[in-house]
PDB file of N, CA and C in Angstrom:
ATOM      1  N   MET A   1       0.815  -1.181   0.000  1.00  0.00           N
ATOM      2  CA  MET A   1       0.000   0.000   0.000  1.00  0.00           C
ATOM      3  C   MET A   1       0.862   1.250   0.000  1.00  0.00           C
ATOM      4  N   ALA A   2       0.336   2.252  -0.653  1.00  0.00           N
ATOM      5  CA  ALA A   2       1.064   3.513  -0.704  1.00  0.00           C
ATOM      6  C   ALA A   2       0.747   4.320   0.543  1.00  0.00           C
ATOM      7  N   THR A   3       1.729   4.951   1.070  1.00  0.00           N
ATOM      8  CA  THR A   3       1.508   5.798   2.245  1.00  0.00           C
ATOM      9  C   THR A   3       1.274   7.217   1.784  1.00  0.00           C
ATOM     10  N   PRO A   4       0.379   7.889   2.435  1.00  0.00           N
ATOM     11  CA  PRO A   4       0.107   9.261   2.018  1.00  0.00           C
ATOM     12  C   PRO A   4       1.293  10.160   2.323  1.00  0.00           C
ATOM     13  N   GLY A   5       1.405  11.216   1.527  1.00  0.00           N
ATOM     14  CA  GLY A   5       2.501  12.168   1.691  1.00  0.00           C
ATOM     15  C   GLY A   5       2.324  12.966   2.969  1.00  0.00           C
ATOM     16  N   PRO A   6       3.297  13.767   3.272  1.00  0.00           N
ATOM     17  CA  PRO A   6       3.200  14.557   4.496  1.00  0.00           C
ATOM     18  C   PRO A   6       2.042  15.560   4.389  1.00  0.00           C
ATOM     19  N   MET A   7       1.303  15.652   5.447  1.00  0.00           N
ATOM     20  CA  MET A   7       0.146  16.553   5.476  1.00  0.00           C
ATOM     21  C   MET A   7       0.569  17.893   6.051  1.00  0.00           C
ATOM     22  N   THR A   8       0.091  18.948   5.414  1.00  0.00           N
ATOM     23  CA  THR A   8       0.383  20.283   5.939  1.00  0.00           C
ATOM     24  C   THR A   8      -0.692  20.630   6.956  1.00  0.00           C
ATOM     25  N   PRO A   9      -0.303  21.087   8.096  1.00  0.00           N
ATOM     26  CA  PRO A   9      -1.323  21.419   9.103  1.00  0.00           C
ATOM     27  C   PRO A   9      -2.105  22.653   8.674  1.00  0.00           C
ATOM     28  N   GLU A  10      -3.421  22.548   8.788  1.00  0.00           N
ATOM     29  CA  GLU A  10      -4.299  23.675   8.456  1.00  0.00           C
ATOM     30  C   GLU A  10      -4.485  24.535   9.694  1.00  0.00           C
ATOM     31  N   ALA A  11      -4.933  25.752   9.458  1.00  0.00           N
ATOM     32  CA  ALA A  11      -5.218  26.633  10.582  1.00  0.00           C
ATOM     33  C   ALA A  11      -6.367  26.032  11.375  1.00  0.00           C
ATOM     34  N   PRO A  12      -6.308  26.091  12.685  1.00  0.00           N
ATOM     35  CA  PRO A  12      -7.391  25.516  13.483  1.00  0.00           C
ATOM     36  C   PRO A  12      -8.688  26.296  13.266  1.00  0.00           C
ATOM     37  N   PHE A  13      -9.771  25.584  13.383  1.00  0.00           N
ATOM     38  CA  PHE A  13     -11.095  26.186  13.229  1.00  0.00           C
ATOM     39  C   PHE A  13     -11.373  27.089  14.418  1.00  0.00           C
ATOM     40  N   GLU A  14     -11.754  28.312  14.139  1.00  0.00           N
ATOM     41  CA  GLU A  14     -12.046  29.279  15.198  1.00  0.00           C
ATOM     42  C   GLU A  14     -13.553  29.530  15.239  1.00  0.00           C
ATOM     43  N   PRO A  15     -14.287  28.996  16.232  1.00  0.00           N
ATOM     44  CA  PRO A  15     -15.746  29.135  16.259  1.00  0.00           C
ATOM     45  C   PRO A  15     -16.228  30.567  16.474  1.00  0.00           C
ATOM     46  N   SER A  16     -15.394  31.447  17.006  1.00  0.00           N
ATOM     47  CA  SER A  16     -15.841  32.822  17.245  1.00  0.00           C
ATOM     48  C   SER A  16     -15.797  33.670  15.975  1.00  0.00           C
ATOM     49  N   GLN A  17     -15.147  33.177  14.929  1.00  0.00           N
ATOM     50  CA  GLN A  17     -15.029  33.910  13.673  1.00  0.00           C
ATOM     51  C   GLN A  17     -15.924  33.273  12.615  1.00  0.00           C
ATOM     52  N   PRO A  18     -16.535  34.088  11.722  1.00  0.00           N
ATOM     53  CA  PRO A  18     -17.339  33.504  10.646  1.00  0.00           C
ATOM     54  C   PRO A  18     -16.431  32.782   9.648  1.00  0.00           C
ATOM     55  N   PRO A  19     -16.976  31.798   8.945  1.00  0.00           N
ATOM     56  CA  PRO A  19     -16.154  31.086   7.966  1.00  0.00           C
ATOM     57  C   PRO A  19     -15.795  31.998   6.802  1.00  0.00           C
ATOM     58  N   VAL A  20     -14.646  31.755   6.220  1.00  0.00           N
ATOM     59  CA  VAL A  20     -14.188  32.555   5.083  1.00  0.00           C
ATOM     60  C   VAL A  20     -14.630  31.837   3.818  1.00  0.00           C
ATOM     61  N   ILE A  21     -15.424  32.517   3.018  1.00  0.00           N
ATOM     62  CA  ILE A  21     -15.901  31.974   1.752  1.00  0.00           C
ATOM     63  C   ILE A  21     -15.342  32.848   0.652  1.00  0.00           C
ATOM     64  N   GLU A  22     -14.602  32.244  -0.241  1.00  0.00           N
ATOM     65  CA  GLU A  22     -13.956  32.995  -1.300  1.00  0.00           C
ATOM     66  C   GLU A  22     -14.994  33.631  -2.217  1.00  0.00           C
ATOM     67  N   GLY A  23     -14.853  34.922  -2.468  1.00  0.00           N
ATOM     68  CA  GLY A  23     -15.756  35.633  -3.366  1.00  0.00           C
ATOM     69  C   GLY A  23     -17.021  36.127  -2.695  1.00  0.00           C
ATOM     70  N   PHE A  24     -17.151  35.968  -1.384  1.00  0.00           N
ATOM     71  CA  PHE A  24     -18.358  36.392  -0.673  1.00  0.00           C
ATOM     72  C   PHE A  24     -17.985  37.432   0.360  1.00  0.00           C
ATOM     73  N   ASN A  25     -18.578  38.598   0.257  1.00  0.00           N
ATOM     74  CA  ASN A  25     -18.338  39.672   1.216  1.00  0.00           C
ATOM     75  C   ASN A  25     -19.641  39.980   1.936  1.00  0.00           C
ATOM     76  N   PRO A  26     -19.798  39.523   3.173  1.00  0.00           N
ATOM     77  CA  PRO A  26     -21.056  39.792   3.879  1.00  0.00           C
ATOM     78  C   PRO A  26     -21.152  41.258   4.268  1.00  0.00           C
ATOM     79  N   THR A  27     -22.349  41.783   4.166  1.00  0.00           N
ATOM     80  CA  THR A  27     -22.572  43.158   4.596  1.00  0.00           C
ATOM     81  C   THR A  27     -23.266  43.112   5.948  1.00  0.00           C
ATOM     82  N   VAL A  28     -22.830  43.951   6.809  1.00  0.00           N
ATOM     83  CA  VAL A  28     -23.411  44.016   8.145  1.00  0.00           C
ATOM     84  C   VAL A  28     -24.480  45.096   8.136  1.00  0.00           C
ATOM     85  N   ASN A  29     -25.686  44.721   8.535  1.00  0.00           N
ATOM     86  CA  ASN A  29     -26.784  45.657   8.602  1.00  0.00           C
ATOM     87  C   ASN A  29     -26.701  46.401   9.926  1.00  0.00           C
ATOM     88  N   ILE A  30     -26.280  47.664   9.895  1.00  0.00           N
ATOM     89  CA  ILE A  30     -26.127  48.431  11.123  1.00  0.00           C
ATOM     90  C   ILE A  30     -27.496  48.742  11.730  1.00  0.00           C
ATOM     91  N   HIS A  31     -28.453  49.128  10.883  1.00  0.00           N
ATOM     92  CA  HIS A  31     -29.792  49.460  11.353  1.00  0.00           C
ATOM     93  C   HIS A  31     -30.780  48.505  10.695  1.00  0.00           C
ATOM     94  N   PRO A  32     -31.226  47.462  11.404  1.00  0.00           N
ATOM     95  CA  PRO A  32     -32.174  46.537  10.781  1.00  0.00           C
ATOM     96  C   PRO A  32     -33.500  47.234  10.465  1.00  0.00           C
ATOM     97  N   GLU A  33     -34.072  46.825   9.343  1.00  0.00           N
ATOM     98  CA  GLU A  33     -35.301  47.442   8.864  1.00  0.00           C
ATOM     99  C   GLU A  33     -36.495  46.859   9.619  1.00  0.00           C
ATOM    100  N   GLY A  34     -37.306  47.715  10.192  1.00  0.00           N
ATOM    101  CA  GLY A  34     -38.498  47.280  10.911  1.00  0.00           C
ATOM    102  C   GLY A  34     -39.652  47.018   9.961  1.00  0.00           C
ATOM    103  N   PHE A  35     -40.762  46.551  10.530  1.00  0.00           N
ATOM    104  CA  PHE A  35     -41.925  46.221   9.705  1.00  0.00           C
ATOM    105  C   PHE A  35     -42.451  47.445   8.975  1.00  0.00           C
ATOM    106  N   LYS A  36     -42.587  48.565   9.696  1.00  0.00           N
ATOM    107  CA  LYS A  36     -43.147  49.776   9.088  1.00  0.00           C
ATOM    108  C   LYS A  36     -42.265  50.283   7.954  1.00  0.00           C
ATOM    109  N   GLU A  37     -40.950  50.329   8.192  1.00  0.00           N
ATOM    110  CA  GLU A  37     -40.037  50.816   7.157  1.00  0.00           C
ATOM    111  C   GLU A  37     -40.063  49.916   5.928  1.00  0.00           C
ATOM    112  N   LYS A  38     -40.087  48.601   6.163  1.00  0.00           N
ATOM    113  CA  LYS A  38     -40.107  47.665   5.037  1.00  0.00           C
ATOM    114  C   LYS A  38     -41.421  47.784   4.267  1.00  0.00           C
ATOM    115  N   PHE A  39     -42.543  47.904   4.986  1.00  0.00           N
ATOM    116  CA  PHE A  39     -43.841  48.031   4.331  1.00  0.00           C
ATOM    117  C   PHE A  39     -43.881  49.280   3.468  1.00  0.00           C
ATOM    118  N   LEU A  40     -43.397  50.411   4.007  1.00  0.00           N
ATOM    119  CA  LEU A  40     -43.404  51.651   3.235  1.00  0.00           C
ATOM    120  C   LEU A  40     -42.483  51.569   2.022  1.00  0.00           C
ATOM    121  N   ARG A  41     -41.324  50.944   2.193  1.00  0.00           N
ATOM    122  CA  ARG A  41     -40.393  50.801   1.063  1.00  0.00           C
ATOM    123  C   ARG A  41     -41.006  49.938  -0.035  1.00  0.00           C
ATOM    124  N   LYS A  42     -41.597  48.809   0.357  1.00  0.00           N
ATOM    125  CA  LYS A  42     -42.210  47.923  -0.641  1.00  0.00           C
ATOM    126  C   LYS A  42     -43.412  48.583  -1.308  1.00  0.00           C
ATOM    127  N   THR A  43     -44.168  49.382  -0.557  1.00  0.00           N
ATOM    128  CA  THR A  43     -45.318  50.080  -1.141  1.00  0.00           C
ATOM    129  C   THR A  43     -44.858  51.117  -2.150  1.00  0.00           C
ATOM    130  N   ARG A  44     -43.753  51.807  -1.840  1.00  0.00           N
ATOM    131  CA  ARG A  44     -43.216  52.775  -2.805  1.00  0.00           C
ATOM    132  C   ARG A  44     -42.694  52.083  -4.059  1.00  0.00           C
ATOM    133  N   GLU A  45     -42.119  50.887  -3.891  1.00  0.00           N
ATOM    134  CA  GLU A  45     -41.581  50.158  -5.044  1.00  0.00           C
ATOM    135  C   GLU A  45     -42.696  49.669  -5.959  1.00  0.00           C
ATOM    136  N   ASN A  46     -43.797  49.179  -5.397  1.00  0.00           N
ATOM    137  CA  ASN A  46     -44.892  48.631  -6.197  1.00  0.00           C
ATOM    138  C   ASN A  46     -46.223  48.993  -5.520  1.00  0.00           C
ATOM    139  N   PRO A  47     -46.763  50.185  -5.783  1.00  0.00           N
ATOM    140  CA  PRO A  47     -47.970  50.628  -5.074  1.00  0.00           C
ATOM    141  C   PRO A  47     -49.250  49.901  -5.494  1.00  0.00           C
ATOM    142  N   MET A  48     -49.241  49.177  -6.596  1.00  0.00           N
ATOM    143  CA  MET A  48     -50.458  48.505  -7.044  1.00  0.00           C
ATOM    144  C   MET A  48     -50.815  47.287  -6.193  1.00  0.00           C
ATOM    145  N   VAL A  49     -49.836  46.669  -5.551  1.00  0.00           N
ATOM    146  CA  VAL A  49     -50.113  45.478  -4.742  1.00  0.00           C
ATOM    147  C   VAL A  49     -50.986  45.830  -3.535  1.00  0.00           C
ATOM    148  N   PRO A  50     -50.658  46.841  -2.733  1.00  0.00           N
ATOM    149  CA  PRO A  50     -51.561  47.177  -1.619  1.00  0.00           C
ATOM    150  C   PRO A  50     -52.935  47.638  -2.083  1.00  0.00           C
ATOM    151  N   ILE A  51     -52.988  48.318  -3.228  1.00  0.00           N
ATOM    152  CA  ILE A  51     -54.285  48.742  -3.761  1.00  0.00           C
ATOM    153  C   ILE A  51     -55.126  47.519  -4.112  1.00  0.00           C
ATOM    154  N   GLY A  52     -54.508  46.521  -4.750  1.00  0.00           N
ATOM    155  CA  GLY A  52     -55.223  45.288  -5.078  1.00  0.00           C
ATOM    156  C   GLY A  52     -55.659  44.525  -3.837  1.00  0.00           C
ATOM    157  N   CYS A  53     -54.808  44.511  -2.821  1.00  0.00           N
ATOM    158  CA  CYS A  53     -55.164  43.830  -1.572  1.00  0.00           C
ATOM    159  C   CYS A  53     -56.344  44.512  -0.893  1.00  0.00           C
ATOM    160  N   LEU A  54     -56.327  45.845  -0.862  1.00  0.00           N
ATOM    161  CA  LEU A  54     -57.446  46.576  -0.268  1.00  0.00           C
ATOM    162  C   LEU A  54     -58.734  46.359  -1.064  1.00  0.00           C
ATOM    163  N   GLY A  55     -58.630  46.335  -2.388  1.00  0.00           N
ATOM    164  CA  GLY A  55     -59.809  46.062  -3.213  1.00  0.00           C
ATOM    165  C   GLY A  55     -60.364  44.668  -2.979  1.00  0.00           C
ATOM    166  N   THR A  56     -59.480  43.702  -2.833  1.00  0.00           N
ATOM    167  CA  THR A  56     -59.912  42.331  -2.551  1.00  0.00           C
ATOM    168  C   THR A  56     -60.621  42.257  -1.208  1.00  0.00           C
ATOM    169  N   ALA A  57     -60.020  42.872  -0.188  1.00  0.00           N
ATOM    170  CA  ALA A  57     -60.625  42.848   1.146  1.00  0.00           C
ATOM    171  C   ALA A  57     -61.969  43.568   1.162  1.00  0.00           C
ATOM    172  N   ALA A  58     -62.067  44.697   0.451  1.00  0.00           N
ATOM    173  CA  ALA A  58     -63.323  45.447   0.409  1.00  0.00           C
ATOM    174  C   ALA A  58     -64.421  44.647  -0.289  1.00  0.00           C
ATOM    175  N   ALA A  59     -64.088  44.019  -1.418  1.00  0.00           N
ATOM    176  CA  ALA A  59     -65.091  43.224  -2.140  1.00  0.00           C
ATOM    177  C   ALA A  59     -65.538  42.027  -1.304  1.00  0.00           C
ATOM    178  N   LEU A  60     -64.599  41.385  -0.618  1.00  0.00           N
ATOM    179  CA  LEU A  60     -64.951  40.244   0.234  1.00  0.00           C
ATOM    180  C   LEU A  60     -65.849  40.683   1.386  1.00  0.00           C
ATOM    181  N   THR A  61     -65.489  41.772   2.039  1.00  0.00           N
ATOM    182  CA  THR A  61     -66.274  42.248   3.176  1.00  0.00           C
ATOM    183  C   THR A  61     -67.682  42.642   2.753  1.00  0.00           C
ATOM    184  N   TYR A  62     -67.770  43.409   1.689  1.00  0.00           N
ATOM    185  CA  TYR A  62     -69.097  43.832   1.234  1.00  0.00           C
ATOM    186  C   TYR A  62     -69.907  42.645   0.713  1.00  0.00           C
ATOM    187  N   GLY A  63     -69.262  41.704   0.054  1.00  0.00           N
ATOM    188  CA  GLY A  63     -69.962  40.511  -0.416  1.00  0.00           C
ATOM    189  C   GLY A  63     -70.504  39.673   0.734  1.00  0.00           C
ATOM    190  N   LEU A  64     -69.727  39.524   1.790  1.00  0.00           N
ATOM    191  CA  LEU A  64     -70.216  38.783   2.961  1.00  0.00           C
ATOM    192  C   LEU A  64     -71.354  39.528   3.659  1.00  0.00           C
ATOM    193  N   TYR A  65     -71.258  40.850   3.695  1.00  0.00           N
ATOM    194  CA  TYR A  65     -72.327  41.662   4.276  1.00  0.00           C
ATOM    195  C   TYR A  65     -73.626  41.475   3.482  1.00  0.00           C
ATOM    196  N   CYS A  66     -73.520  41.515   2.154  1.00  0.00           N
ATOM    197  CA  CYS A  66     -74.705  41.317   1.307  1.00  0.00           C
ATOM    198  C   CYS A  66     -75.261  39.904   1.466  1.00  0.00           C
ATOM    199  N   PHE A  67     -74.396  38.931   1.604  1.00  0.00           N
ATOM    200  CA  PHE A  67     -74.838  37.547   1.807  1.00  0.00           C
ATOM    201  C   PHE A  67     -75.609  37.424   3.122  1.00  0.00           C
ATOM    202  N   HIS A  68     -75.107  38.083   4.154  1.00  0.00           N
ATOM    203  CA  HIS A  68     -75.753  38.046   5.462  1.00  0.00           C
ATOM    204  C   HIS A  68     -77.134  38.700   5.410  1.00  0.00           C
ATOM    205  N   ARG A  69     -77.273  39.747   4.616  1.00  0.00           N
ATOM    206  CA  ARG A  69     -78.550  40.445   4.494  1.00  0.00           C
ATOM    207  C   ARG A  69     -79.509  39.768   3.533  1.00  0.00           C
ATOM    208  N   GLY A  70     -79.060  38.727   2.832  1.00  0.00           N
ATOM    209  CA  GLY A  70     -79.943  37.994   1.924  1.00  0.00           C
ATOM    210  C   GLY A  70     -79.959  38.527   0.507  1.00  0.00           C
ATOM    211  N   GLN A  71     -79.055  39.389   0.157  1.00  0.00           N
ATOM    212  CA  GLN A  71     -78.974  39.928  -1.202  1.00  0.00           C
ATOM    213  C   GLN A  71     -78.023  39.031  -2.000  1.00  0.00           C
ATOM    214  N   SER A  72     -78.536  37.903  -2.464  1.00  0.00           N
ATOM    215  CA  SER A  72     -77.663  36.899  -3.080  1.00  0.00           C
ATOM    216  C   SER A  72     -77.064  37.361  -4.408  1.00  0.00           C
ATOM    217  N   GLN A  73     -77.824  38.104  -5.205  1.00  0.00           N
ATOM    218  CA  GLN A  73     -77.272  38.549  -6.490  1.00  0.00           C
ATOM    219  C   GLN A  73     -76.107  39.515  -6.286  1.00  0.00           C
ATOM    220  N   ARG A  74     -76.270  40.469  -5.380  1.00  0.00           N
ATOM    221  CA  ARG A  74     -75.181  41.415  -5.118  1.00  0.00           C
ATOM    222  C   ARG A  74     -73.997  40.696  -4.476  1.00  0.00           C
ATOM    223  N   SER A  75     -74.278  39.705  -3.631  1.00  0.00           N
ATOM    224  CA  SER A  75     -73.210  38.934  -3.014  1.00  0.00           C
ATOM    225  C   SER A  75     -72.403  38.176  -4.066  1.00  0.00           C
ATOM    226  N   GLN A  76     -73.089  37.573  -5.031  1.00  0.00           N
ATOM    227  CA  GLN A  76     -72.400  36.870  -6.123  1.00  0.00           C
ATOM    228  C   GLN A  76     -71.557  37.844  -6.950  1.00  0.00           C
ATOM    229  N   LEU A  77     -72.117  39.020  -7.213  1.00  0.00           N
ATOM    230  CA  LEU A  77     -71.383  40.029  -7.968  1.00  0.00           C
ATOM    231  C   LEU A  77     -70.112  40.441  -7.224  1.00  0.00           C
ATOM    232  N   MET A  78     -70.210  40.620  -5.919  1.00  0.00           N
ATOM    233  CA  MET A  78     -69.043  41.027  -5.139  1.00  0.00           C
ATOM    234  C   MET A  78     -68.013  39.902  -5.056  1.00  0.00           C
ATOM    235  N   MET A  79     -68.445  38.657  -5.043  1.00  0.00           N
ATOM    236  CA  MET A  79     -67.482  37.550  -5.041  1.00  0.00           C
ATOM    237  C   MET A  79     -66.736  37.491  -6.383  1.00  0.00           C
ATOM    238  N   ARG A  80     -67.441  37.782  -7.461  1.00  0.00           N
ATOM    239  CA  ARG A  80     -66.769  37.845  -8.769  1.00  0.00           C
ATOM    240  C   ARG A  80     -65.812  39.044  -8.825  1.00  0.00           C
ATOM    241  N   THR A  81     -66.211  40.140  -8.222  1.00  0.00           N
ATOM    242  CA  THR A  81     -65.338  41.313  -8.141  1.00  0.00           C
ATOM    243  C   THR A  81     -64.093  40.990  -7.324  1.00  0.00           C
ATOM    244  N   ARG A  82     -64.279  40.212  -6.254  1.00  0.00           N
ATOM    245  CA  ARG A  82     -63.141  39.804  -5.430  1.00  0.00           C
ATOM    246  C   ARG A  82     -62.145  38.997  -6.246  1.00  0.00           C
ATOM    247  N   ILE A  83     -62.649  38.087  -7.095  1.00  0.00           N
ATOM    248  CA  ILE A  83     -61.767  37.279  -7.944  1.00  0.00           C
ATOM    249  C   ILE A  83     -60.996  38.182  -8.907  1.00  0.00           C
ATOM    250  N   ALA A  84     -61.675  39.171  -9.471  1.00  0.00           N
ATOM    251  CA  ALA A  84     -61.000  40.107 -10.373  1.00  0.00           C
ATOM    252  C   ALA A  84     -59.931  40.910  -9.624  1.00  0.00           C
ATOM    253  N   ALA A  85     -60.234  41.327  -8.401  1.00  0.00           N
ATOM    254  CA  ALA A  85     -59.255  42.084  -7.614  1.00  0.00           C
ATOM    255  C   ALA A  85     -58.059  41.211  -7.252  1.00  0.00           C
ATOM    256  N   GLN A  86     -58.303  39.930  -6.968  1.00  0.00           N
ATOM    257  CA  GLN A  86     -57.197  39.017  -6.689  1.00  0.00           C
ATOM    258  C   GLN A  86     -56.322  38.845  -7.923  1.00  0.00           C
ATOM    259  N   GLY A  87     -56.957  38.729  -9.091  1.00  0.00           N
ATOM    260  CA  GLY A  87     -56.199  38.633 -10.336  1.00  0.00           C
ATOM    261  C   GLY A  87     -55.362  39.880 -10.583  1.00  0.00           C
ATOM    262  N   PHE A  88     -55.937  41.046 -10.292  1.00  0.00           N
ATOM    263  CA  PHE A  88     -55.195  42.304 -10.418  1.00  0.00           C
ATOM    264  C   PHE A  88     -53.987  42.313  -9.496  1.00  0.00           C
ATOM    265  N   THR A  89     -54.171  41.832  -8.270  1.00  0.00           N
ATOM    266  CA  THR A  89     -53.072  41.808  -7.300  1.00  0.00           C
ATOM    267  C   THR A  89     -51.955  40.881  -7.759  1.00  0.00           C
ATOM    268  N   ILE A  90     -52.308  39.692  -8.243  1.00  0.00           N
ATOM    269  CA  ILE A  90     -51.298  38.744  -8.730  1.00  0.00           C
ATOM    270  C   ILE A  90     -50.555  39.338  -9.928  1.00  0.00           C
ATOM    271  N   ALA A  91     -51.293  39.978 -10.843  1.00  0.00           N
ATOM    272  CA  ALA A  91     -50.650  40.603 -12.002  1.00  0.00           C
ATOM    273  C   ALA A  91     -49.704  41.722 -11.555  1.00  0.00           C
ATOM    274  N   ALA A  92     -50.107  42.502 -10.549  1.00  0.00           N
ATOM    275  CA  ALA A  92     -49.249  43.576 -10.043  1.00  0.00           C
ATOM    276  C   ALA A  92     -47.977  43.006  -9.421  1.00  0.00           C
ATOM    277  N   ILE A  93     -48.102  41.892  -8.694  1.00  0.00           N
ATOM    278  CA  ILE A  93     -46.920  41.253  -8.101  1.00  0.00           C
ATOM    279  C   ILE A  93     -45.974  40.783  -9.202  1.00  0.00           C
ATOM    280  N   LEU A  94     -46.514  40.111 -10.209  1.00  0.00           N
ATOM    281  CA  LEU A  94     -45.675  39.584 -11.288  1.00  0.00           C
ATOM    282  C   LEU A  94     -45.015  40.704 -12.091  1.00  0.00           C
ATOM    283  N   LEU A  95     -45.764  41.764 -12.369  1.00  0.00           N
ATOM    284  CA  LEU A  95     -45.181  42.890 -13.101  1.00  0.00           C
ATOM    285  C   LEU A  95     -44.116  43.591 -12.264  1.00  0.00           C
ATOM    286  N   GLY A  96     -44.337  43.693 -10.962  1.00  0.00           N
ATOM    287  CA  GLY A  96     -43.327  44.281 -10.084  1.00  0.00           C
ATOM    288  C   GLY A  96     -42.063  43.443 -10.041  1.00  0.00           C
ATOM    289  N   LEU A  97     -42.216  42.118 -10.005  1.00  0.00           N
ATOM    290  CA  LEU A  97     -41.047  41.238 -10.040  1.00  0.00           C
ATOM    291  C   LEU A  97     -40.285  41.375 -11.347  1.00  0.00           C
ATOM    292  N   ALA A  98     -41.021  41.424 -12.444  1.00  0.00           N
ATOM    293  CA  ALA A  98     -40.381  41.572 -13.749  1.00  0.00           C
ATOM    294  C   ALA A  98     -39.651  42.906 -13.847  1.00  0.00           C
ATOM    295  N   ALA A  99     -40.259  43.964 -13.338  1.00  0.00           N
ATOM    296  CA  ALA A  99     -39.635  45.290 -13.402  1.00  0.00           C
ATOM    297  C   ALA A  99     -38.364  45.322 -12.552  1.00  0.00           C
ATOM    298  N   SER A 100     -38.416  44.708 -11.371  1.00  0.00           N
ATOM    299  CA  SER A 100     -37.211  44.730 -10.519  1.00  0.00           C
ATOM    300  C   SER A 100     -36.125  43.837 -11.107  1.00  0.00           C
ATOM    301  N   ALA A 101     -36.497  42.760 -11.786  1.00  0.00           N
ATOM    302  CA  ALA A 101     -35.502  41.902 -12.436  1.00  0.00           C
ATOM    303  C   ALA A 101     -34.832  42.638 -13.596  1.00  0.00           C
ATOM    304  N   MET A 102     -35.610  43.405 -14.360  1.00  0.00           N
ATOM    305  CA  MET A 102     -35.047  44.161 -15.473  1.00  0.00           C
ATOM    306  C   MET A 102     -34.173  45.305 -14.954  1.00  0.00           C
ATOM    307  N   LYS A 103     -34.541  45.892 -13.810  1.00  0.00           N
ATOM    308  CA  LYS A 103     -33.775  46.998 -13.234  1.00  0.00           C
ATOM    309  C   LYS A 103     -32.416  46.525 -12.721  1.00  0.00           C
ATOM    310  N   SER A 104     -32.358  45.288 -12.201  1.00  0.00           N
ATOM    311  CA  SER A 104     -31.116  44.804 -11.611  1.00  0.00           C
ATOM    312  C   SER A 104     -30.142  44.266 -12.655  1.00  0.00           C
ATOM    313  N   ARG A 105     -30.592  44.128 -13.905  1.00  0.00           N
ATOM    314  CA  ARG A 105     -29.679  43.682 -14.969  1.00  0.00           C
ATOM    315  C   ARG A 105     -28.684  44.767 -15.306  1.00  0.00           C
ATOM    316  N   PRO A 106     -27.404  44.371 -15.564  1.00  0.00           N
ATOM    317  CA  PRO A 106     -26.411  45.398 -15.927  1.00  0.00           C
ATOM    318  C   PRO A 106     -26.573  45.873 -17.363  1.00  0.00           C
TER     319      PRO A 106
END
């Protein structure tokens, strides 16, 4: 059998230090972003998503109110409106993703 060559001792693992990954430079977030700041930033980036969410919630609420009062035709109309508002919201999310992907390209 062949014997392995002499091994060079590696630097000991230091648990108090982060691992070194070649080509990766971690950024330290000095001020973490809170919920309010993140919500406002995301709303400024794509304002159609919150509008679609509010429209969906409004149509659902009014549709349930009409259902409770026995106005079945208006309730059905509001449920269809809710579906349209949900579709608008999904389209706004997808368009926002596409726009941010195109913006980040060099």
